Amino acid sequence: MVIILTFLGAIAFFACMMFTQQKVLRIILATLTGIIFVGSTTLMTLNYSHHFGMHKVTTTSTKRIYSASNSSMPLALYQPVGKSGQDNVYIYNTKPKQKTPQHTQANEYTFSRIKWTQDDTPQLITTEVRWKYKNNFYRTLYAWSGMDNTLVKRTNVLEYPQTYIKLTTSQAKQLSKVANSAAGKQLQAQAAEQGRAFVTSKVQAAIAKNPHMTAKQIQKVSAQAEQEFQAQSVKQILKQVK
């Protein structure tokens, strides 16, 4: 509305000055239209420069993520940006298998980082701070201004289990190359048998410690043991990459 008032105020002021013949009437109308024009312009300027009529609103969302490697390997992939590491872009999937991975935003308002946790499920926690209009009056007043929902800052925290390994995209490509080689396939075949034995020993140890474990608890121990062994296998392959 304030945009329309500014536009109409300017046209009305011009019309009054050009086409009103009576001096007194011209002064009165010019003053009124001038006040409308200056007032609406001031309101618009305050909205753009000081976010007049707005307040900051913080929202937090959480979603399950998966390794972008599209494999069972527990990898936390990222693309280095700059030297400080504060602008790194982290790559992930939102489904167990997907053709095109997603990534964190790369702009001046966004900061992303990895946090290692004891949980066995990776997740992305996004916190955003945005400018919102205080009420419907200001929302209507500043309609079409483009200021509503303006991003102030965004923080992405990618929570990964400690069994995951942080790799750059170039390291992941090298890892894939080695894994698909003859030596890599042989190493994976050996690791498969070792992995089954590793998981079995972990599950047996957990059951021995707590004979009353439920099927869900046993499944959780098995999944954690599998991730742990996969992480060890990745480290072994990385040694060949280096």
Protein backbone atom coordinates (compact mmCIF):
# COMPACT_ATOMS: atom_id res chain seq x y z
CA MET A 1 0.00 0.00 0.00
CA VAL A 2 2.79 2.44 0.85
CA ILE A 3 4.22 1.94 -2.63
CA ILE A 4 0.86 2.90 -4.15
CA LEU A 5 0.58 5.91 -1.82
CA THR A 6 4.05 7.10 -2.85
CA PHE A 7 3.19 6.77 -6.53
CA LEU A 8 -0.25 8.44 -6.19
CA GLY A 9 1.16 11.15 -3.93
CA ALA A 10 3.77 12.10 -6.52
CA ILE A 11 1.21 12.21 -9.35
CA ALA A 12 -1.33 14.16 -7.25
CA PHE A 13 1.29 16.70 -6.17
CA PHE A 14 2.34 17.25 -9.78
CA ALA A 15 -1.28 17.56 -10.91
CA CYS A 16 -2.10 20.08 -8.17
CA MET A 17 0.87 22.27 -9.04
CA MET A 18 0.20 22.15 -12.77
CA PHE A 19 -3.59 22.24 -13.11
CA THR A 20 -5.07 23.93 -10.01
CA GLN A 21 -5.74 27.56 -10.89
CA GLN A 22 -6.79 28.98 -7.51
CA LYS A 23 -3.73 29.84 -5.49
CA VAL A 24 -5.17 29.03 -2.04
CA LEU A 25 -6.62 25.72 -3.18
CA ARG A 26 -3.38 24.87 -4.96
CA ILE A 27 -1.38 25.47 -1.78
CA ILE A 28 -3.76 23.37 0.32
CA LEU A 29 -3.84 20.45 -2.12
CA ALA A 30 -0.11 20.63 -2.77
CA THR A 31 0.55 20.57 0.97
CA LEU A 32 -1.71 17.55 1.52
CA THR A 33 -0.35 15.59 -1.45
CA GLY A 34 3.19 16.59 -0.50
CA ILE A 35 2.67 15.26 3.02
CA ILE A 36 1.33 12.00 1.58
CA PHE A 37 4.31 11.67 -0.78
CA VAL A 38 6.97 12.56 1.80
CA GLY A 39 5.29 10.49 4.52
CA SER A 40 4.97 7.37 2.40
CA THR A 41 8.53 7.77 1.11
CA THR A 42 9.77 8.09 4.70
CA LEU A 43 7.86 4.97 5.75
CA MET A 44 9.32 3.00 2.85
CA THR A 45 12.83 4.22 3.64
CA LEU A 46 12.46 3.26 7.31
CA ASN A 47 11.26 -0.18 6.32
CA TYR A 48 14.25 -0.80 4.06
CA SER A 49 16.90 0.77 6.29
CA HIS A 50 15.66 0.00 9.83
CA HIS A 51 13.06 -2.74 9.25
CA PHE A 52 10.30 -0.53 10.65
CA GLY A 53 7.18 -2.57 11.43
CA MET A 54 9.12 -5.84 11.51
CA HIS A 55 10.62 -8.20 14.07
CA LYS A 56 13.00 -11.14 13.95
CA VAL A 57 11.51 -14.64 13.99
CA THR A 58 13.62 -17.75 14.64
CA THR A 59 12.59 -21.16 13.30
CA THR A 60 14.30 -24.53 13.67
CA SER A 61 13.77 -27.61 11.52
CA THR A 62 15.22 -31.12 11.72
CA LYS A 63 15.36 -33.73 8.98
CA ARG A 64 16.91 -37.14 8.52
CA ILE A 65 19.86 -37.25 6.14
CA TYR A 66 21.99 -39.95 4.51
CA SER A 67 25.49 -40.16 3.14
CA ALA A 68 25.75 -38.66 -0.35
CA SER A 69 28.11 -41.46 -1.33
CA ASN A 70 25.06 -43.57 -2.27
CA SER A 71 26.73 -46.54 -0.63
CA SER A 72 26.81 -48.17 2.75
CA MET A 73 30.01 -46.31 3.58
CA PRO A 74 29.54 -43.91 6.52
CA LEU A 75 30.87 -40.77 4.83
CA ALA A 76 30.26 -37.12 5.69
CA LEU A 77 31.09 -35.34 2.44
CA TYR A 78 31.91 -31.67 1.98
CA GLN A 79 33.35 -29.29 -0.58
CA PRO A 80 36.03 -26.97 0.84
CA VAL A 81 35.39 -23.28 0.22
CA GLY A 82 38.01 -20.74 1.23
CA LYS A 83 40.77 -21.35 3.73
CA SER A 84 39.01 -20.81 7.07
CA GLY A 85 36.57 -23.70 6.65
CA GLN A 86 33.65 -21.52 7.73
CA ASP A 87 32.22 -21.43 4.20
CA ASN A 88 32.48 -25.16 3.45
CA VAL A 89 29.52 -26.71 1.63
CA TYR A 90 28.30 -30.02 3.04
CA ILE A 91 26.73 -32.59 0.73
CA TYR A 92 24.07 -35.08 1.78
CA ASN A 93 21.04 -37.09 0.67
CA THR A 94 17.53 -36.90 2.06
CA LYS A 95 16.79 -40.44 0.86
CA PRO A 96 18.84 -43.63 1.18
CA LYS A 97 19.37 -43.53 -2.60
CA GLN A 98 19.00 -40.51 -4.87
CA LYS A 99 20.57 -39.39 -8.14
CA THR A 100 21.24 -35.77 -7.26
CA PRO A 101 22.49 -35.02 -3.73
CA GLN A 102 21.60 -31.87 -1.85
CA HIS A 103 23.96 -29.45 -0.19
CA THR A 104 24.02 -26.67 2.37
CA GLN A 105 23.66 -23.11 1.11
CA ALA A 106 26.75 -21.12 0.16
CA ASN A 107 26.12 -17.44 0.90
CA GLU A 108 27.06 -14.71 3.35
CA TYR A 109 24.08 -15.42 5.60
CA THR A 110 24.75 -19.13 6.13
CA PHE A 111 27.16 -20.98 8.41
CA SER A 112 27.36 -24.79 8.33
CA ARG A 113 29.27 -27.23 10.49
CA ILE A 114 29.45 -30.89 11.49
CA LYS A 115 28.73 -32.12 15.00
CA TRP A 116 29.69 -35.64 16.09
CA THR A 117 27.14 -37.37 18.32
CA GLN A 118 26.48 -40.69 20.07
CA ASP A 119 23.31 -41.22 18.02
CA ASP A 120 23.33 -43.68 15.13
CA THR A 121 21.09 -41.57 12.86
CA PRO A 122 22.51 -38.59 10.94
CA GLN A 123 20.31 -35.50 10.86
CA LEU A 124 20.41 -31.90 9.71
CA ILE A 125 19.28 -29.19 12.11
CA THR A 126 18.66 -25.84 10.42
CA THR A 127 18.05 -22.67 12.40
CA GLU A 128 16.93 -19.57 10.50
CA VAL A 129 16.37 -16.00 11.64
CA ARG A 130 14.14 -13.95 9.32
CA TRP A 131 12.47 -10.55 9.34
CA LYS A 132 8.68 -10.80 9.58
CA TYR A 133 6.02 -8.08 9.79
CA LYS A 134 4.66 -7.61 13.29
CA ASN A 135 1.01 -7.84 12.29
CA ASN A 136 -1.40 -7.69 9.36
CA PHE A 137 -1.43 -3.89 9.40
CA TYR A 138 2.27 -3.63 8.57
CA ARG A 139 2.01 -6.59 6.19
CA THR A 140 -0.70 -4.74 4.24
CA LEU A 141 1.04 -1.37 4.51
CA TYR A 142 4.25 -2.75 3.00
CA ALA A 143 2.65 -5.13 0.51
CA TRP A 144 4.90 -5.85 -2.53
CA SER A 145 7.95 -4.36 -0.83
CA GLY A 146 9.76 -7.72 -0.91
CA MET A 147 11.01 -7.30 2.66
CA ASP A 148 8.82 -9.91 4.36
CA ASN A 149 10.63 -13.15 5.22
CA THR A 150 14.06 -11.63 4.52
CA LEU A 151 16.83 -13.93 5.77
CA VAL A 152 19.05 -12.53 8.54
CA LYS A 153 21.16 -15.61 9.19
CA ARG A 154 21.03 -19.38 8.85
CA THR A 155 22.91 -22.09 10.75
CA ASN A 156 23.14 -25.67 9.51
CA VAL A 157 24.35 -28.31 11.96
CA LEU A 158 24.89 -31.72 10.41
CA GLU A 159 24.88 -34.27 13.22
CA TYR A 160 26.74 -37.45 12.34
CA PRO A 161 27.53 -40.56 14.41
CA GLN A 162 31.16 -40.72 15.50
CA THR A 163 31.63 -43.71 13.21
CA TYR A 164 31.27 -41.47 10.15
CA ILE A 165 34.35 -40.19 8.36
CA LYS A 166 34.62 -36.61 7.10
CA LEU A 167 35.91 -36.48 3.51
CA THR A 168 36.20 -33.88 0.78
CA THR A 169 34.51 -34.64 -2.54
CA SER A 170 37.91 -35.16 -4.19
CA GLN A 171 38.92 -37.65 -1.49
CA ALA A 172 35.61 -39.47 -1.98
CA LYS A 173 36.32 -39.79 -5.72
CA GLN A 174 39.75 -41.23 -4.99
CA LEU A 175 38.21 -43.59 -2.47
CA SER A 176 35.65 -44.77 -5.03
CA LYS A 177 38.40 -45.29 -7.62
CA VAL A 178 40.43 -47.46 -5.26
CA ALA A 179 37.34 -49.35 -4.07
CA ASN A 180 36.44 -50.24 -7.67
CA SER A 181 39.93 -51.40 -8.52
CA ALA A 182 40.92 -55.09 -8.48
CA ALA A 183 42.81 -54.65 -5.23
CA GLY A 184 39.94 -52.71 -3.72
CA LYS A 185 37.38 -55.35 -4.62
CA GLN A 186 39.60 -58.04 -3.15
CA LEU A 187 39.94 -56.00 0.02
CA GLN A 188 36.18 -55.54 0.20
CA ALA A 189 35.59 -59.26 -0.26
CA GLN A 190 37.90 -59.99 2.65
CA ALA A 191 36.29 -57.23 4.69
CA ALA A 192 32.80 -58.65 4.14
CA GLU A 193 33.66 -61.85 5.99
CA GLN A 194 35.56 -59.96 8.67
CA GLY A 195 32.64 -57.56 9.03
CA ARG A 196 30.16 -60.35 9.73
CA ALA A 197 32.46 -61.74 12.38
CA PHE A 198 32.99 -58.26 13.87
CA VAL A 199 29.25 -57.55 14.09
CA THR A 200 28.53 -60.98 15.52
CA SER A 201 31.16 -60.56 18.24
CA LYS A 202 29.77 -57.12 19.18
CA VAL A 203 26.21 -58.46 19.40
CA GLN A 204 27.30 -61.49 21.44
CA ALA A 205 29.23 -59.26 23.83
CA ALA A 206 26.20 -56.99 24.26
CA ILE A 207 23.88 -59.96 24.91
CA ALA A 208 26.33 -61.41 27.41
CA LYS A 209 26.31 -58.08 29.24
CA ASN A 210 22.52 -57.79 29.09
CA PRO A 211 20.79 -61.15 28.43
CA HIS A 212 17.38 -59.48 28.42
CA MET A 213 17.99 -57.28 25.39
CA THR A 214 15.01 -56.76 23.10
CA ALA A 215 15.13 -57.41 19.36
CA LYS A 216 15.16 -53.64 18.77
CA GLN A 217 18.16 -53.18 21.07
CA ILE A 218 20.02 -56.03 19.37
CA GLN A 219 19.29 -54.48 15.98
CA LYS A 220 20.66 -51.14 17.18
CA VAL A 221 23.88 -52.74 18.46
CA SER A 222 24.24 -54.59 15.17
CA ALA A 223 23.77 -51.39 13.13
CA GLN A 224 26.31 -49.50 15.25
CA ALA A 225 28.83 -52.35 14.94
CA GLU A 226 28.34 -52.43 11.17
CA GLN A 227 28.95 -48.68 10.92
CA GLU A 228 32.03 -48.98 13.11
CA PHE A 229 33.49 -51.73 10.94
CA GLN A 230 32.68 -49.84 7.73
CA ALA A 231 34.50 -46.80 9.10
CA GLN A 232 37.55 -48.97 9.80
CA SER A 233 37.37 -50.36 6.25
CA VAL A 234 37.22 -46.86 4.78
CA LYS A 235 40.29 -45.85 6.76
CA GLN A 236 42.13 -48.86 5.40
CA ILE A 237 41.24 -47.92 1.82
CA LEU A 238 42.22 -44.29 2.48
CA LYS A 239 45.68 -45.46 3.42
CA GLN A 240 46.03 -46.82 -0.09
CA VAL A 241 44.78 -43.52 -1.51
CA LYS A 242 47.52 -41.65 0.34
